[in-house]
Protein backbone atom coordinates (compact mmCIF):
# COMPACT_ATOMS: atom_id res chain seq x y z
CA MET A 1 9.12 -42.97 -70.11
CA ALA A 2 7.76 -40.95 -67.23
CA VAL A 3 11.15 -39.69 -66.05
CA ARG A 4 13.48 -37.86 -68.35
CA THR A 5 17.12 -38.80 -68.16
CA SER A 6 18.66 -36.08 -70.32
CA GLY A 7 21.86 -34.81 -68.79
CA ALA A 8 22.45 -38.21 -67.19
CA ALA A 9 26.14 -38.07 -67.82
CA HIS A 10 26.83 -35.71 -64.94
CA THR A 11 25.50 -34.67 -61.55
CA ASP A 12 25.39 -31.09 -60.33
CA GLU A 13 27.54 -31.52 -57.22
CA SER A 14 26.76 -28.04 -55.89
CA VAL A 15 23.04 -28.82 -55.96
CA LEU A 16 23.67 -32.14 -54.23
CA ARG A 17 25.65 -30.45 -51.50
CA ARG A 18 22.99 -27.79 -50.91
CA CYS A 19 20.15 -30.29 -50.84
CA ASP A 20 22.00 -32.88 -48.78
CA GLY A 21 22.68 -30.35 -46.02
CA SER A 22 20.67 -27.59 -44.40
CA GLU A 23 21.43 -24.63 -46.66
CA LEU A 24 18.63 -25.26 -49.15
CA PHE A 25 15.81 -26.28 -46.81
CA GLY A 26 16.63 -24.41 -43.63
CA VAL A 27 16.87 -27.75 -41.79
CA ASP A 28 18.84 -30.90 -42.35
CA PRO A 29 16.60 -33.26 -44.39
CA ASP A 30 17.87 -36.14 -42.26
CA ASP A 31 16.09 -34.56 -39.28
CA LEU A 32 12.69 -34.87 -40.96
CA PRO A 33 10.46 -37.68 -39.63
CA ASP A 34 9.14 -38.59 -43.09
CA GLY A 35 11.03 -39.78 -46.10
CA LEU A 36 12.02 -36.98 -48.50
CA VAL A 37 13.11 -37.53 -52.08
CA VAL A 38 13.79 -34.61 -54.44
CA ALA A 39 14.50 -34.91 -58.17
CA ASP A 40 15.79 -32.08 -60.37
CA GLU A 41 14.52 -30.93 -63.76
CA THR A 42 16.17 -33.90 -65.46
CA GLY A 43 14.53 -36.48 -63.23
CA ARG A 44 17.66 -37.30 -61.25
CA VAL A 45 17.63 -37.55 -57.46
CA ILE A 46 19.34 -34.65 -55.71
CA CYS A 47 18.05 -35.33 -52.19
CA PHE A 48 17.40 -38.62 -50.42
CA ASN A 49 17.16 -38.30 -46.65
CA ALA A 50 17.79 -40.87 -43.94
CA ALA A 51 14.07 -41.64 -43.45
CA ALA A 52 13.70 -42.36 -47.17
CA ALA A 53 16.69 -44.69 -47.02
CA LYS A 54 15.17 -46.53 -44.05
CA ILE A 55 11.74 -46.87 -45.67
CA THR A 56 13.01 -48.00 -49.07
CA THR A 57 16.14 -49.88 -47.90
CA VAL A 58 18.02 -48.00 -50.65
CA SER A 59 21.19 -46.27 -49.48
CA LYS A 60 21.62 -42.54 -49.94
CA ALA A 61 24.82 -43.05 -51.91
CA GLU A 62 23.04 -45.38 -54.32
CA ALA A 63 20.06 -43.06 -54.77
CA LEU A 64 21.75 -39.68 -55.23
CA GLY A 65 22.33 -38.92 -58.90
CA ALA A 66 20.23 -41.88 -60.08
CA PRO A 67 17.06 -41.54 -62.18
CA LEU A 68 14.01 -41.23 -59.93
CA GLU A 69 12.41 -44.34 -61.37
CA ARG A 70 15.46 -46.40 -60.43
CA ALA A 71 16.05 -44.86 -57.00
CA LEU A 72 12.38 -45.09 -56.09
CA PRO A 73 10.79 -47.94 -58.10
CA LEU A 74 7.14 -47.61 -57.13
CA GLU A 75 4.17 -49.62 -58.37
CA ASP A 76 0.46 -49.11 -57.81
CA LEU A 77 -1.72 -51.82 -56.29
CA LYS A 78 -2.37 -53.24 -59.76
CA GLY A 79 1.34 -53.73 -60.42
CA ARG A 80 1.75 -50.80 -62.83
CA ARG A 81 4.95 -48.72 -62.67
CA TRP A 82 3.96 -45.53 -60.95
CA TRP A 83 6.32 -43.03 -62.58
CA ARG A 84 5.49 -44.26 -66.07
CA LEU A 85 1.79 -44.16 -65.25
CA THR A 86 1.75 -40.60 -63.84
CA ASP A 87 4.46 -39.20 -66.19
CA PRO A 88 5.27 -36.11 -64.06
CA TYR A 89 7.74 -34.59 -66.53
CA GLY A 90 5.83 -35.23 -69.74
CA GLY A 91 2.23 -35.27 -68.52
CA ILE A 92 -0.37 -32.55 -68.04
CA ALA A 93 1.43 -29.22 -67.66
CA THR A 94 -1.10 -27.81 -65.16
CA ARG A 95 -0.76 -30.69 -62.69
CA VAL A 96 0.76 -29.59 -59.38
CA GLY A 97 1.32 -32.98 -57.75
CA GLN A 98 -0.14 -36.27 -56.59
CA PRO A 99 -2.25 -36.74 -53.42
CA GLU A 100 -1.15 -39.27 -50.81
CA ARG A 101 -1.91 -42.87 -51.74
CA ASN A 102 -0.76 -46.41 -51.04
CA LEU A 103 1.96 -47.63 -53.40
CA LEU A 104 4.24 -50.64 -53.40
CA LEU A 105 8.00 -50.88 -53.10
CA PRO A 106 9.91 -53.91 -54.43
CA GLY A 107 8.89 -56.97 -52.46
CA GLY A 108 5.32 -55.75 -52.06
CA ARG A 109 5.97 -53.45 -49.09
CA GLU A 110 3.33 -50.72 -48.82
CA VAL A 111 4.28 -47.08 -48.45
CA LEU A 112 2.28 -43.84 -48.41
CA VAL A 113 3.47 -41.51 -51.17
CA SER A 114 2.59 -37.95 -52.10
CA ALA A 115 4.33 -35.70 -54.62
CA ARG A 116 4.60 -31.99 -55.35
CA TYR A 117 5.57 -30.64 -58.79
CA VAL A 118 7.53 -27.39 -58.50
CA ARG A 119 7.31 -25.52 -61.81
CA GLU A 120 9.06 -22.39 -63.05
CA ARG A 121 5.62 -20.99 -63.95
CA PRO A 122 2.06 -22.40 -63.66
CA THR A 123 2.22 -24.32 -66.95
CA GLY A 124 5.98 -24.44 -67.31
CA PRO A 125 8.36 -27.40 -67.08
CA ILE A 126 9.06 -29.05 -63.74
CA ARG A 127 12.02 -27.51 -61.94
CA ARG A 128 11.90 -29.88 -58.99
CA LEU A 129 9.87 -32.94 -58.04
CA VAL A 130 9.40 -33.35 -54.27
CA VAL A 131 8.23 -36.74 -52.97
CA SER A 132 7.16 -37.53 -49.41
CA LEU A 133 7.24 -41.11 -48.07
CA ARG A 134 5.62 -42.51 -44.94
CA GLY A 135 5.24 -46.00 -43.58
CA THR A 136 1.76 -47.46 -43.29
CA GLU A 137 2.11 -48.82 -39.74
CA ALA A 138 0.44 -45.84 -38.01
CA ARG A 139 -2.46 -45.86 -40.45
CA ARG A 140 -2.89 -49.61 -40.03
CA ARG A 141 -3.00 -49.20 -36.26
CA THR A 142 -5.63 -46.47 -36.60
CA GLU A 143 -7.70 -48.61 -38.96
CA ARG A 144 -7.50 -51.57 -36.58
CA SER A 145 -8.50 -49.35 -33.67
CA HIS A 146 -11.49 -48.00 -35.58
CA ALA A 147 -12.52 -51.50 -36.63
CA GLU A 148 -12.23 -52.72 -33.04
CA LEU A 149 -14.28 -49.76 -31.81
CA ILE A 150 -17.05 -50.50 -34.31
CA ALA A 151 -17.05 -54.19 -33.42
CA THR A 152 -17.13 -53.46 -29.68
CA VAL A 153 -19.96 -50.95 -29.91
CA ALA A 154 -21.94 -53.21 -32.27
CA HIS A 155 -21.54 -56.09 -29.81
CA GLU A 156 -22.56 -53.97 -26.83
CA LEU A 157 -25.60 -52.57 -28.69
CA ARG A 158 -26.85 -55.94 -29.86
CA SER A 159 -27.74 -57.25 -26.39
CA PRO A 160 -29.93 -54.36 -25.15
CA LEU A 161 -31.56 -53.86 -28.54
CA THR A 162 -32.43 -57.55 -28.72
CA SER A 163 -33.95 -57.29 -25.25
CA VAL A 164 -35.95 -54.17 -26.14
CA GLN A 165 -37.22 -55.72 -29.34
CA GLY A 166 -38.15 -58.99 -27.65
CA PHE A 167 -40.06 -57.45 -24.74
CA THR A 168 -41.92 -54.89 -26.87
CA ALA A 169 -42.91 -57.55 -29.40
CA THR A 170 -44.14 -59.80 -26.59
CA LEU A 171 -46.14 -57.02 -24.93
CA LEU A 172 -47.74 -55.95 -28.21
CA ALA A 173 -48.71 -59.53 -29.11
CA LYS A 174 -49.90 -60.71 -25.68
CA TRP A 175 -50.72 -57.58 -23.71
CA GLU A 176 -53.94 -58.96 -22.20
CA ARG A 177 -52.27 -62.11 -20.94
CA PHE A 178 -49.89 -60.37 -18.54
CA THR A 179 -50.59 -59.02 -15.09
CA ASP A 180 -49.77 -55.42 -14.24
CA ASP A 181 -46.70 -56.53 -12.27
CA GLN A 182 -45.41 -58.53 -15.24
CA LYS A 183 -45.97 -55.60 -17.58
CA ARG A 184 -44.15 -53.26 -15.19
CA LEU A 185 -41.18 -55.63 -14.93
CA MET A 186 -40.85 -55.90 -18.70
CA LEU A 187 -41.22 -52.15 -19.21
CA GLU A 188 -38.62 -51.46 -16.52
CA THR A 189 -36.24 -53.83 -18.34
CA VAL A 190 -36.91 -52.05 -21.64
CA ASP A 191 -36.30 -48.68 -19.95
CA ALA A 192 -32.98 -49.86 -18.44
CA ASP A 193 -31.79 -51.26 -21.77
CA ALA A 194 -32.80 -48.06 -23.58
CA HIS A 195 -30.69 -46.07 -21.09
CA ARG A 196 -27.80 -48.45 -21.76
CA VAL A 197 -28.06 -47.84 -25.51
CA THR A 198 -28.18 -44.08 -24.93
CA ARG A 199 -25.05 -44.29 -22.76
CA LEU A 200 -23.19 -46.29 -25.41
CA ILE A 201 -24.06 -43.78 -28.11
CA ALA A 202 -22.94 -40.94 -25.84
CA GLU A 203 -19.61 -42.73 -25.27
CA LEU A 204 -19.13 -43.12 -29.01
CA LEU A 205 -19.80 -39.41 -29.59
CA ASP A 206 -17.40 -38.48 -26.77
CA ILE A 207 -14.65 -40.59 -28.32
CA SER A 208 -15.21 -38.97 -31.69
CA ARG A 209 -14.95 -35.49 -30.16
CA ILE A 210 -11.87 -36.38 -28.09
CA ASP A 211 -10.06 -37.88 -31.08
CA SER A 212 -10.83 -34.85 -33.25
CA GLY A 213 -10.04 -32.31 -30.51
CA ARG A 214 -13.62 -30.97 -30.57
CA LEU A 215 -14.72 -31.84 -27.04
CA GLU A 216 -16.44 -28.69 -25.79
CA VAL A 217 -16.10 -27.60 -22.17
CA ARG A 218 -18.76 -25.23 -20.86
CA ARG A 219 -17.28 -23.90 -17.65
CA GLN A 220 -19.36 -23.03 -14.61
CA LEU A 221 -18.58 -22.73 -10.94
CA VAL A 222 -18.75 -26.34 -9.69
CA ASP A 223 -19.18 -27.53 -6.10
CA ILE A 224 -17.08 -30.69 -6.39
CA ALA A 225 -17.83 -31.81 -2.82
CA ALA A 226 -21.57 -31.68 -3.49
CA ALA A 227 -21.07 -33.58 -6.75
CA VAL A 228 -19.24 -36.36 -4.90
CA GLY A 229 -22.07 -36.51 -2.36
CA ARG A 230 -24.69 -36.90 -5.12
CA HIS A 231 -22.86 -39.84 -6.65
CA ILE A 232 -22.48 -41.61 -3.31
CA GLN A 233 -26.19 -41.11 -2.60
CA ALA A 234 -26.99 -42.66 -6.00
CA HIS A 235 -24.88 -45.73 -5.16
CA MET A 236 -26.56 -46.11 -1.78
CA ALA A 237 -29.97 -45.82 -3.43
CA GLY A 238 -28.84 -48.65 -5.70
CA GLY A 239 -28.21 -50.93 -2.73
CA GLN A 240 -24.65 -50.10 -1.61
CA SER A 241 -24.04 -49.82 2.13
CA PRO A 242 -23.16 -46.34 3.49
CA ASP A 243 -20.19 -48.02 5.21
CA ARG A 244 -18.73 -48.76 1.78
CA PHE A 245 -17.76 -45.11 1.29
CA LEU A 246 -15.37 -42.77 3.11
CA VAL A 247 -15.31 -39.11 2.03
CA ARG A 248 -12.61 -36.64 3.05
CA ILE A 249 -13.00 -33.00 2.06
CA GLN A 250 -10.17 -30.60 2.88
CA GLN A 251 -11.39 -27.04 3.12
CA PRO A 252 -11.02 -24.40 1.85
CA LEU A 253 -11.07 -25.54 -1.76
CA PRO A 254 -10.12 -23.23 -4.63
CA ASP A 255 -12.91 -22.15 -6.97
CA LEU A 256 -13.42 -24.80 -9.61
CA TRP A 257 -14.60 -23.64 -13.02
CA ALA A 258 -15.48 -26.69 -15.04
CA ASP A 259 -18.20 -28.36 -17.08
CA PRO A 260 -20.52 -29.83 -14.41
CA ASP A 261 -21.94 -32.56 -16.68
CA LYS A 262 -18.50 -33.75 -17.72
CA ILE A 263 -17.18 -33.67 -14.15
CA ASP A 264 -20.18 -35.80 -13.17
CA GLN A 265 -19.17 -38.18 -15.96
CA VAL A 266 -15.63 -38.44 -14.59
CA LEU A 267 -16.75 -38.97 -10.99
CA GLY A 268 -19.43 -41.45 -12.02
CA ASN A 269 -16.99 -43.56 -14.01
CA LEU A 270 -14.28 -43.63 -11.33
CA LEU A 271 -16.72 -44.44 -8.52
CA GLU A 272 -18.48 -47.13 -10.55
CA ASN A 273 -15.12 -48.75 -11.34
CA ALA A 274 -14.13 -48.67 -7.65
CA VAL A 275 -17.44 -50.18 -6.54
CA ARG A 276 -17.69 -52.78 -9.29
CA HIS A 277 -14.08 -53.89 -9.63
CA GLY A 278 -12.63 -53.00 -6.22
CA GLU A 279 -13.26 -54.30 -2.73
CA GLY A 280 -13.53 -52.93 0.78
CA THR A 281 -13.92 -49.23 1.48
CA VAL A 282 -14.01 -46.78 -1.40
CA THR A 283 -12.26 -43.58 -0.30
CA ILE A 284 -12.86 -40.26 -2.03
CA GLU A 285 -10.59 -37.37 -1.11
CA VAL A 286 -11.04 -33.81 -2.36
CA ALA A 287 -8.33 -31.30 -1.52
CA PRO A 288 -6.32 -28.41 -2.95
CA ALA A 289 -3.45 -29.67 -5.08
CA SER A 290 -0.37 -30.14 -2.93
CA ALA A 291 2.97 -28.43 -3.27
CA HIS A 292 4.34 -31.59 -4.88
CA ASP A 293 1.92 -31.31 -7.81
CA GLU A 294 2.99 -29.57 -11.00
CA GLN A 295 -0.16 -27.43 -11.21
CA LYS A 296 -2.43 -25.60 -8.79
CA GLY A 297 -6.07 -26.57 -8.53
CA THR A 298 -8.41 -29.14 -7.04
CA ALA A 299 -7.22 -32.72 -6.62
CA VAL A 300 -9.70 -35.60 -6.43
CA THR A 301 -8.53 -39.08 -5.41
CA VAL A 302 -10.65 -42.24 -5.66
CA SER A 303 -9.16 -45.43 -4.18
CA ASP A 304 -10.38 -48.87 -3.13
CA GLU A 305 -9.02 -51.86 -1.21
CA GLY A 306 -9.28 -54.48 -3.94
CA PRO A 307 -6.50 -56.37 -5.75
CA GLY A 308 -5.44 -53.23 -7.59
CA ILE A 309 -4.05 -52.92 -11.10
CA PRO A 310 -0.94 -54.94 -12.04
CA GLU A 311 2.15 -52.81 -12.59
CA GLU A 312 2.52 -54.05 -16.15
CA SER A 313 -1.02 -52.86 -16.97
CA MET A 314 -0.85 -49.34 -15.54
CA GLY A 315 0.53 -47.89 -18.76
CA ARG A 316 -2.52 -49.13 -20.66
CA VAL A 317 -5.28 -48.15 -18.23
CA PHE A 318 -6.31 -45.02 -20.16
CA THR A 319 -6.18 -46.62 -23.60
CA ARG A 320 -9.22 -47.78 -25.53
CA PHE A 321 -10.72 -51.15 -24.66
CA TRP A 322 -8.65 -51.70 -21.52
CA ARG A 323 -10.63 -53.74 -19.01
CA GLY A 324 -9.49 -54.35 -15.46
CA SER A 325 -11.57 -57.51 -15.20
CA LYS A 326 -13.93 -59.69 -17.19
CA ARG A 327 -17.04 -58.17 -15.62
CA GLY A 328 -18.33 -56.58 -18.83
CA GLY A 329 -18.18 -53.01 -20.04
CA THR A 330 -16.83 -51.53 -23.25
CA GLY A 331 -13.39 -50.62 -21.91
CA LEU A 332 -13.92 -47.04 -23.13
CA GLY A 333 -14.77 -45.29 -19.86
CA LEU A 334 -11.26 -44.46 -18.64
CA TYR A 335 -10.19 -43.35 -22.12
CA ILE A 336 -13.09 -40.85 -22.04
CA VAL A 337 -12.26 -39.82 -18.46
CA LYS A 338 -8.71 -38.95 -19.46
CA GLY A 339 -9.97 -37.01 -22.49
CA ILE A 340 -12.38 -34.97 -20.35
CA VAL A 341 -9.78 -34.17 -17.69
CA GLU A 342 -7.23 -33.10 -20.31
CA ALA A 343 -9.86 -31.00 -22.11
CA HIS A 344 -10.12 -29.02 -18.85
CA GLY A 345 -6.35 -28.57 -18.84
CA GLY A 346 -5.93 -31.08 -16.02
CA THR A 347 -4.02 -34.30 -15.47
CA ILE A 348 -4.96 -37.79 -14.29
CA ALA A 349 -2.82 -40.64 -13.00
CA VAL A 350 -3.29 -44.17 -11.74
CA GLY A 351 -1.40 -45.90 -8.96
CA ARG A 352 -1.77 -48.12 -5.93
CA GLY A 353 -3.79 -46.86 -2.95
CA PRO A 354 -2.91 -47.15 0.74
CA GLY A 355 -5.16 -50.22 1.02
CA GLY A 356 -3.45 -51.94 -1.90
CA GLY A 357 -6.23 -51.32 -4.40
CA ALA A 358 -6.41 -49.06 -7.44
CA GLN A 359 -6.07 -45.33 -6.94
CA PHE A 360 -7.05 -42.69 -9.51
CA ARG A 361 -6.11 -39.08 -8.92
CA PHE A 362 -7.02 -36.19 -11.17
CA ILE A 363 -6.28 -32.48 -10.82
CA LEU A 364 -8.44 -29.75 -12.34
CA PRO A 365 -6.54 -26.47 -12.61
CA VAL A 366 -7.46 -23.10 -11.13
CA GLY A 367 -8.80 -20.60 -13.60
CA ALA A 368 -12.02 -18.81 -14.43
CA PRO A 369 -13.35 -18.52 -17.99
CA ALA A 370 -11.85 -15.78 -20.14
CA TYR A 371 -15.03 -13.70 -20.08
CA LEU A 372 -14.70 -13.34 -16.27
CA SER A 373 -11.05 -12.34 -16.24
């Protein structure tokens, strides 16, 4: 047996009272978000919080005072009884616990379990066995999100790489057969697809840094009005009419200390979305944050006159893989935009513009880098 049951004839009521309330832990165990199960030196449960009861569907009254193996009947993925397999009370005396792993409750329900062995001395007997329980739903969602990200990026990479491989193979095999104009056209296509691959890889790296909280911001004094002008010029060079854009700059603007490359990324994404998915005039407004805003700084608003974003979709706009239309794209751009704005300490919101189309508004706060203060 993995769990000793000596002293099973009675339960230390004073211990139960201390553990069931806040006196022993400093907080009420029922306030903890994860399941908490504590067994005493005899292997009997002296604490079983509300989260543990919800996860296991075993009531607190039924669990308290019962042997741990009965109150928490866990099996590994091979169907072996977990407490008998690990033998916490009679096993290796230097063991301090069990790392988190997937185990099964009755009925095959998965749960994440970790354990800590509290001993009187490093190699002494166990004085208390503390078990943490968590549901697997959050981990499953994360795994699905990662799998979807990999599938999306793989799909988006396949097309340009196939094009690059096909054109280069054709040019190498039949170089002399093509005219200079044909060669130029194929090389321009290869160059465009190579840039697309580079952009996809950059997006993937940005997502990794945002998710891990490692997105670096190298602040410099940024002329946001000039940055907007550069992006509009790029769109006009790509064939857009100058009449498509309306720019409003309200002076004076507060000094903006930000990462110029990342601000270009934000502006580029929002303007591209407005041009590609919106209609009519694309309006870009740059102004000091108004008195109604929660923070001081520079506010940038990008709006169009298209169909806009449905109300039921606005809560998902900044999530991964959200697409406003079926016109291609990875659906990662706005997720990255939000991550960049928040890395600067700013905020971003989506709504409906005056012309009925989509409106994105972000605020970058006032503040110079620490080394200048």
